[in-house]
């Protein structure tokens, strides 16, 4: 496995330095790991398990944002939106 290298704007690699978010995302994607999907899943799971105030403090977001996200998640989980009928799969 390659050592993690920091690559500056000129293309010079510096071993032992942190790599950028973009470089890390590219490396994870090359391995088949989708960090954005994993992050969304983790946020979704966390938002369903803890109160909005704790979620806000833990993630460093405003309480209103945490409350709004939890409301969206609950609406998506609990009740279908009006006018949208659930589809049934029949083999």
N, C-alpha and C. Protein backbone atom coordinates (compact mmCIF):
# COMPACT_ATOMS: atom_id res chain seq x y z
N UNK A 1 0.85 -1.18 0.00
CA UNK A 1 0.00 0.00 0.00
C UNK A 1 0.89 1.24 0.00
N UNK A 2 0.52 2.23 -0.75
CA UNK A 2 1.29 3.47 -0.82
C UNK A 2 1.20 4.22 0.48
N UNK A 3 2.28 4.90 0.82
CA UNK A 3 2.26 5.78 1.99
C UNK A 3 1.39 6.98 1.67
N UNK A 4 0.75 7.52 2.68
CA UNK A 4 -0.07 8.71 2.46
C UNK A 4 0.85 9.89 2.29
N UNK A 5 0.71 10.56 1.17
CA UNK A 5 1.57 11.69 0.85
C UNK A 5 0.74 12.94 0.64
N UNK A 6 1.27 14.05 1.08
CA UNK A 6 0.67 15.34 0.80
C UNK A 6 1.23 15.81 -0.54
N UNK A 7 0.35 16.21 -1.44
CA UNK A 7 0.78 16.73 -2.74
C UNK A 7 0.39 18.19 -2.80
N UNK A 8 1.40 19.06 -2.93
CA UNK A 8 1.09 20.49 -2.97
C UNK A 8 0.67 20.92 -4.37
N UNK A 9 0.41 22.21 -4.54
CA UNK A 9 -0.09 22.72 -5.82
C UNK A 9 0.87 22.51 -6.98
N UNK A 10 2.13 22.39 -6.67
CA UNK A 10 3.11 22.20 -7.74
C UNK A 10 3.30 20.73 -8.10
N UNK A 11 2.62 19.84 -7.36
CA UNK A 11 2.74 18.41 -7.64
C UNK A 11 3.80 17.71 -6.83
N UNK A 12 4.47 18.44 -5.93
CA UNK A 12 5.51 17.84 -5.09
C UNK A 12 4.84 17.05 -3.97
N UNK A 13 5.31 15.81 -3.75
CA UNK A 13 4.76 14.97 -2.70
C UNK A 13 5.60 15.11 -1.43
N UNK A 14 4.89 15.23 -0.31
CA UNK A 14 5.56 15.41 0.98
C UNK A 14 5.11 14.29 1.92
N UNK A 15 5.96 13.28 2.16
CA UNK A 15 5.56 12.21 3.07
C UNK A 15 5.41 12.73 4.49
N UNK A 16 4.42 12.19 5.20
CA UNK A 16 4.21 12.58 6.59
C UNK A 16 3.31 13.79 6.77
N UNK A 17 2.91 14.44 5.70
CA UNK A 17 2.02 15.60 5.80
C UNK A 17 0.59 15.14 5.52
N UNK A 18 -0.39 15.83 6.07
CA UNK A 18 -1.78 15.41 5.81
C UNK A 18 -2.15 15.65 4.35
N UNK A 19 -3.04 14.78 3.84
CA UNK A 19 -3.51 14.96 2.47
C UNK A 19 -4.82 15.74 2.49
N UNK A 20 -5.19 16.27 1.36
CA UNK A 20 -6.41 17.07 1.28
C UNK A 20 -7.64 16.18 1.29
N UNK A 21 -8.78 16.79 1.55
CA UNK A 21 -10.05 16.07 1.53
C UNK A 21 -10.31 15.47 0.16
N UNK A 22 -10.00 16.22 -0.87
CA UNK A 22 -10.21 15.74 -2.24
C UNK A 22 -9.35 14.51 -2.52
N UNK A 23 -8.08 14.57 -2.13
CA UNK A 23 -7.19 13.42 -2.36
C UNK A 23 -7.65 12.20 -1.58
N UNK A 24 -8.07 12.39 -0.33
CA UNK A 24 -8.55 11.28 0.47
C UNK A 24 -9.82 10.67 -0.12
N UNK A 25 -10.73 11.53 -0.58
CA UNK A 25 -11.96 11.06 -1.21
C UNK A 25 -11.65 10.25 -2.46
N UNK A 26 -10.72 10.72 -3.27
CA UNK A 26 -10.34 9.99 -4.49
C UNK A 26 -9.76 8.62 -4.15
N UNK A 27 -8.91 8.57 -3.14
CA UNK A 27 -8.32 7.29 -2.75
C UNK A 27 -9.37 6.32 -2.23
N UNK A 28 -10.29 6.83 -1.42
CA UNK A 28 -11.36 5.97 -0.91
C UNK A 28 -12.27 5.49 -2.03
N UNK A 29 -12.59 6.38 -2.97
CA UNK A 29 -13.41 5.99 -4.12
C UNK A 29 -12.72 4.91 -4.94
N UNK A 30 -11.41 5.01 -5.10
CA UNK A 30 -10.66 3.99 -5.84
C UNK A 30 -10.73 2.63 -5.16
N UNK A 31 -10.91 2.63 -3.84
CA UNK A 31 -11.03 1.38 -3.09
C UNK A 31 -12.48 0.89 -3.01
N UNK A 32 -13.40 1.66 -3.59
CA UNK A 32 -14.80 1.27 -3.57
C UNK A 32 -15.57 1.77 -2.36
N UNK A 33 -14.98 2.67 -1.59
CA UNK A 33 -15.62 3.23 -0.40
C UNK A 33 -16.18 4.59 -0.77
N UNK A 34 -17.44 4.82 -0.50
CA UNK A 34 -18.10 6.09 -0.81
C UNK A 34 -18.27 6.90 0.47
N UNK A 35 -17.34 7.81 0.77
CA UNK A 35 -17.38 8.52 2.05
C UNK A 35 -18.62 9.39 2.24
N UNK A 36 -19.12 10.01 1.16
CA UNK A 36 -20.31 10.85 1.31
C UNK A 36 -21.52 10.02 1.68
N UNK A 37 -21.65 8.85 1.08
CA UNK A 37 -22.76 7.96 1.40
C UNK A 37 -22.64 7.48 2.84
N UNK A 38 -21.45 7.12 3.25
CA UNK A 38 -21.24 6.65 4.61
C UNK A 38 -21.52 7.76 5.62
N UNK A 39 -21.12 8.98 5.28
CA UNK A 39 -21.36 10.12 6.16
C UNK A 39 -22.85 10.38 6.30
N UNK A 40 -23.58 10.31 5.20
CA UNK A 40 -25.03 10.53 5.24
C UNK A 40 -25.72 9.45 6.07
N UNK A 41 -25.29 8.22 5.91
CA UNK A 41 -25.86 7.11 6.67
C UNK A 41 -25.59 7.29 8.15
N UNK A 42 -24.38 7.68 8.49
CA UNK A 42 -24.03 7.89 9.90
C UNK A 42 -24.85 9.03 10.49
N UNK A 43 -25.00 10.12 9.74
CA UNK A 43 -25.79 11.26 10.22
C UNK A 43 -27.24 10.85 10.41
N UNK A 44 -27.79 10.11 9.46
CA UNK A 44 -29.17 9.65 9.54
C UNK A 44 -29.38 8.80 10.79
N UNK A 45 -28.48 7.86 11.02
CA UNK A 45 -28.58 6.98 12.18
C UNK A 45 -28.48 7.78 13.48
N UNK A 46 -27.53 8.68 13.54
CA UNK A 46 -27.35 9.51 14.74
C UNK A 46 -28.57 10.39 14.99
N UNK A 47 -29.12 10.96 13.94
CA UNK A 47 -30.27 11.86 14.08
C UNK A 47 -31.52 11.12 14.55
N UNK A 48 -31.60 9.83 14.29
CA UNK A 48 -32.77 9.08 14.74
C UNK A 48 -32.64 8.61 16.18
N UNK A 49 -31.43 8.66 16.73
CA UNK A 49 -31.19 8.09 18.06
C UNK A 49 -31.02 9.11 19.17
N UNK A 50 -30.59 10.32 18.86
CA UNK A 50 -30.33 11.28 19.94
C UNK A 50 -31.15 12.55 19.75
N UNK A 51 -31.40 13.28 20.84
CA UNK A 51 -32.16 14.54 20.74
C UNK A 51 -31.43 15.58 19.90
N UNK A 52 -32.21 16.50 19.34
CA UNK A 52 -31.66 17.52 18.44
C UNK A 52 -30.59 18.37 19.12
N UNK A 53 -30.79 18.72 20.37
CA UNK A 53 -29.81 19.57 21.07
C UNK A 53 -28.46 18.88 21.17
N UNK A 54 -28.46 17.60 21.47
CA UNK A 54 -27.20 16.86 21.57
C UNK A 54 -26.58 16.68 20.19
N UNK A 55 -27.42 16.41 19.20
CA UNK A 55 -26.93 16.29 17.82
C UNK A 55 -26.25 17.58 17.38
N UNK A 56 -26.87 18.71 17.68
CA UNK A 56 -26.31 20.01 17.30
C UNK A 56 -24.96 20.25 17.96
N UNK A 57 -24.86 19.98 19.26
CA UNK A 57 -23.59 20.21 19.96
C UNK A 57 -22.51 19.25 19.48
N UNK A 58 -22.88 18.02 19.22
CA UNK A 58 -21.92 17.01 18.78
C UNK A 58 -21.33 17.35 17.42
N UNK A 59 -22.20 17.79 16.50
CA UNK A 59 -21.75 18.05 15.13
C UNK A 59 -21.36 19.50 14.88
N UNK A 60 -21.62 20.37 15.85
CA UNK A 60 -21.26 21.78 15.68
C UNK A 60 -22.19 22.51 14.72
N UNK A 61 -23.45 22.08 14.69
CA UNK A 61 -24.43 22.76 13.84
C UNK A 61 -25.44 23.47 14.73
N UNK A 62 -26.21 24.38 14.16
CA UNK A 62 -27.22 25.12 14.91
C UNK A 62 -28.35 24.18 15.30
N UNK A 63 -28.93 24.41 16.46
CA UNK A 63 -30.02 23.57 16.95
C UNK A 63 -31.20 23.55 15.99
N UNK A 64 -31.50 24.70 15.38
CA UNK A 64 -32.61 24.76 14.42
C UNK A 64 -32.38 23.84 13.22
N UNK A 65 -31.13 23.75 12.79
CA UNK A 65 -30.78 22.86 11.67
C UNK A 65 -30.99 21.41 12.09
N UNK A 66 -30.54 21.07 13.30
CA UNK A 66 -30.70 19.70 13.79
C UNK A 66 -32.18 19.33 13.91
N UNK A 67 -33.00 20.25 14.42
CA UNK A 67 -34.44 19.99 14.55
C UNK A 67 -35.06 19.80 13.18
N UNK A 68 -34.71 20.66 12.22
CA UNK A 68 -35.26 20.55 10.87
C UNK A 68 -34.87 19.22 10.23
N UNK A 69 -33.62 18.81 10.40
CA UNK A 69 -33.17 17.54 9.81
C UNK A 69 -33.93 16.37 10.43
N UNK A 70 -34.11 16.42 11.76
CA UNK A 70 -34.84 15.33 12.41
C UNK A 70 -36.29 15.27 11.94
N UNK A 71 -36.90 16.42 11.74
CA UNK A 71 -38.28 16.44 11.23
C UNK A 71 -38.36 15.83 9.84
N UNK A 72 -37.41 16.16 8.99
CA UNK A 72 -37.39 15.58 7.64
C UNK A 72 -37.19 14.08 7.67
N UNK A 73 -36.30 13.64 8.54
CA UNK A 73 -36.03 12.20 8.64
C UNK A 73 -37.27 11.48 9.16
N UNK A 74 -37.89 12.03 10.19
CA UNK A 74 -39.09 11.39 10.73
C UNK A 74 -40.22 11.36 9.71
N UNK A 75 -40.38 12.44 8.96
CA UNK A 75 -41.43 12.48 7.95
C UNK A 75 -41.15 11.44 6.86
N UNK A 76 -39.89 11.31 6.49
CA UNK A 76 -39.53 10.34 5.48
C UNK A 76 -39.69 8.90 5.95
N UNK A 77 -39.46 8.68 7.25
CA UNK A 77 -39.58 7.33 7.78
C UNK A 77 -41.01 6.95 8.10
N UNK A 78 -41.72 7.87 8.72
CA UNK A 78 -43.01 7.51 9.28
C UNK A 78 -44.18 7.60 8.32
N UNK A 79 -44.24 8.64 7.54
CA UNK A 79 -45.42 8.87 6.72
C UNK A 79 -45.01 9.20 5.29
N UNK A 80 -45.69 8.60 4.33
CA UNK A 80 -45.42 9.02 2.95
C UNK A 80 -45.99 10.41 2.71
N UNK A 81 -45.39 11.14 1.82
CA UNK A 81 -45.90 12.48 1.49
C UNK A 81 -47.23 12.36 0.79
N UNK A 82 -48.03 13.39 0.94
CA UNK A 82 -49.35 13.39 0.31
C UNK A 82 -49.21 13.31 -1.21
N UNK A 83 -50.07 12.52 -1.81
CA UNK A 83 -50.07 12.40 -3.27
C UNK A 83 -49.12 11.34 -3.78
N UNK A 84 -48.29 10.79 -2.92
CA UNK A 84 -47.36 9.75 -3.35
C UNK A 84 -47.85 8.43 -2.80
N UNK A 85 -48.19 7.54 -3.67
CA UNK A 85 -48.66 6.22 -3.27
C UNK A 85 -47.49 5.25 -3.22
N UNK A 86 -47.45 4.43 -2.18
CA UNK A 86 -46.37 3.43 -2.15
C UNK A 86 -46.52 2.44 -3.29
N UNK A 87 -45.42 2.04 -3.84
CA UNK A 87 -45.45 1.07 -4.93
C UNK A 87 -45.26 -0.32 -4.37
N UNK A 88 -45.92 -1.27 -4.96
CA UNK A 88 -45.81 -2.65 -4.53
C UNK A 88 -45.17 -3.46 -5.64
N UNK A 89 -44.25 -4.27 -5.27
CA UNK A 89 -43.57 -5.11 -6.24
C UNK A 89 -44.21 -6.48 -6.23
N UNK A 90 -44.65 -6.93 -7.37
CA UNK A 90 -45.21 -8.26 -7.48
C UNK A 90 -44.36 -9.06 -8.44
N UNK A 91 -43.74 -10.12 -7.94
CA UNK A 91 -42.88 -10.94 -8.82
C UNK A 91 -43.65 -11.70 -9.85
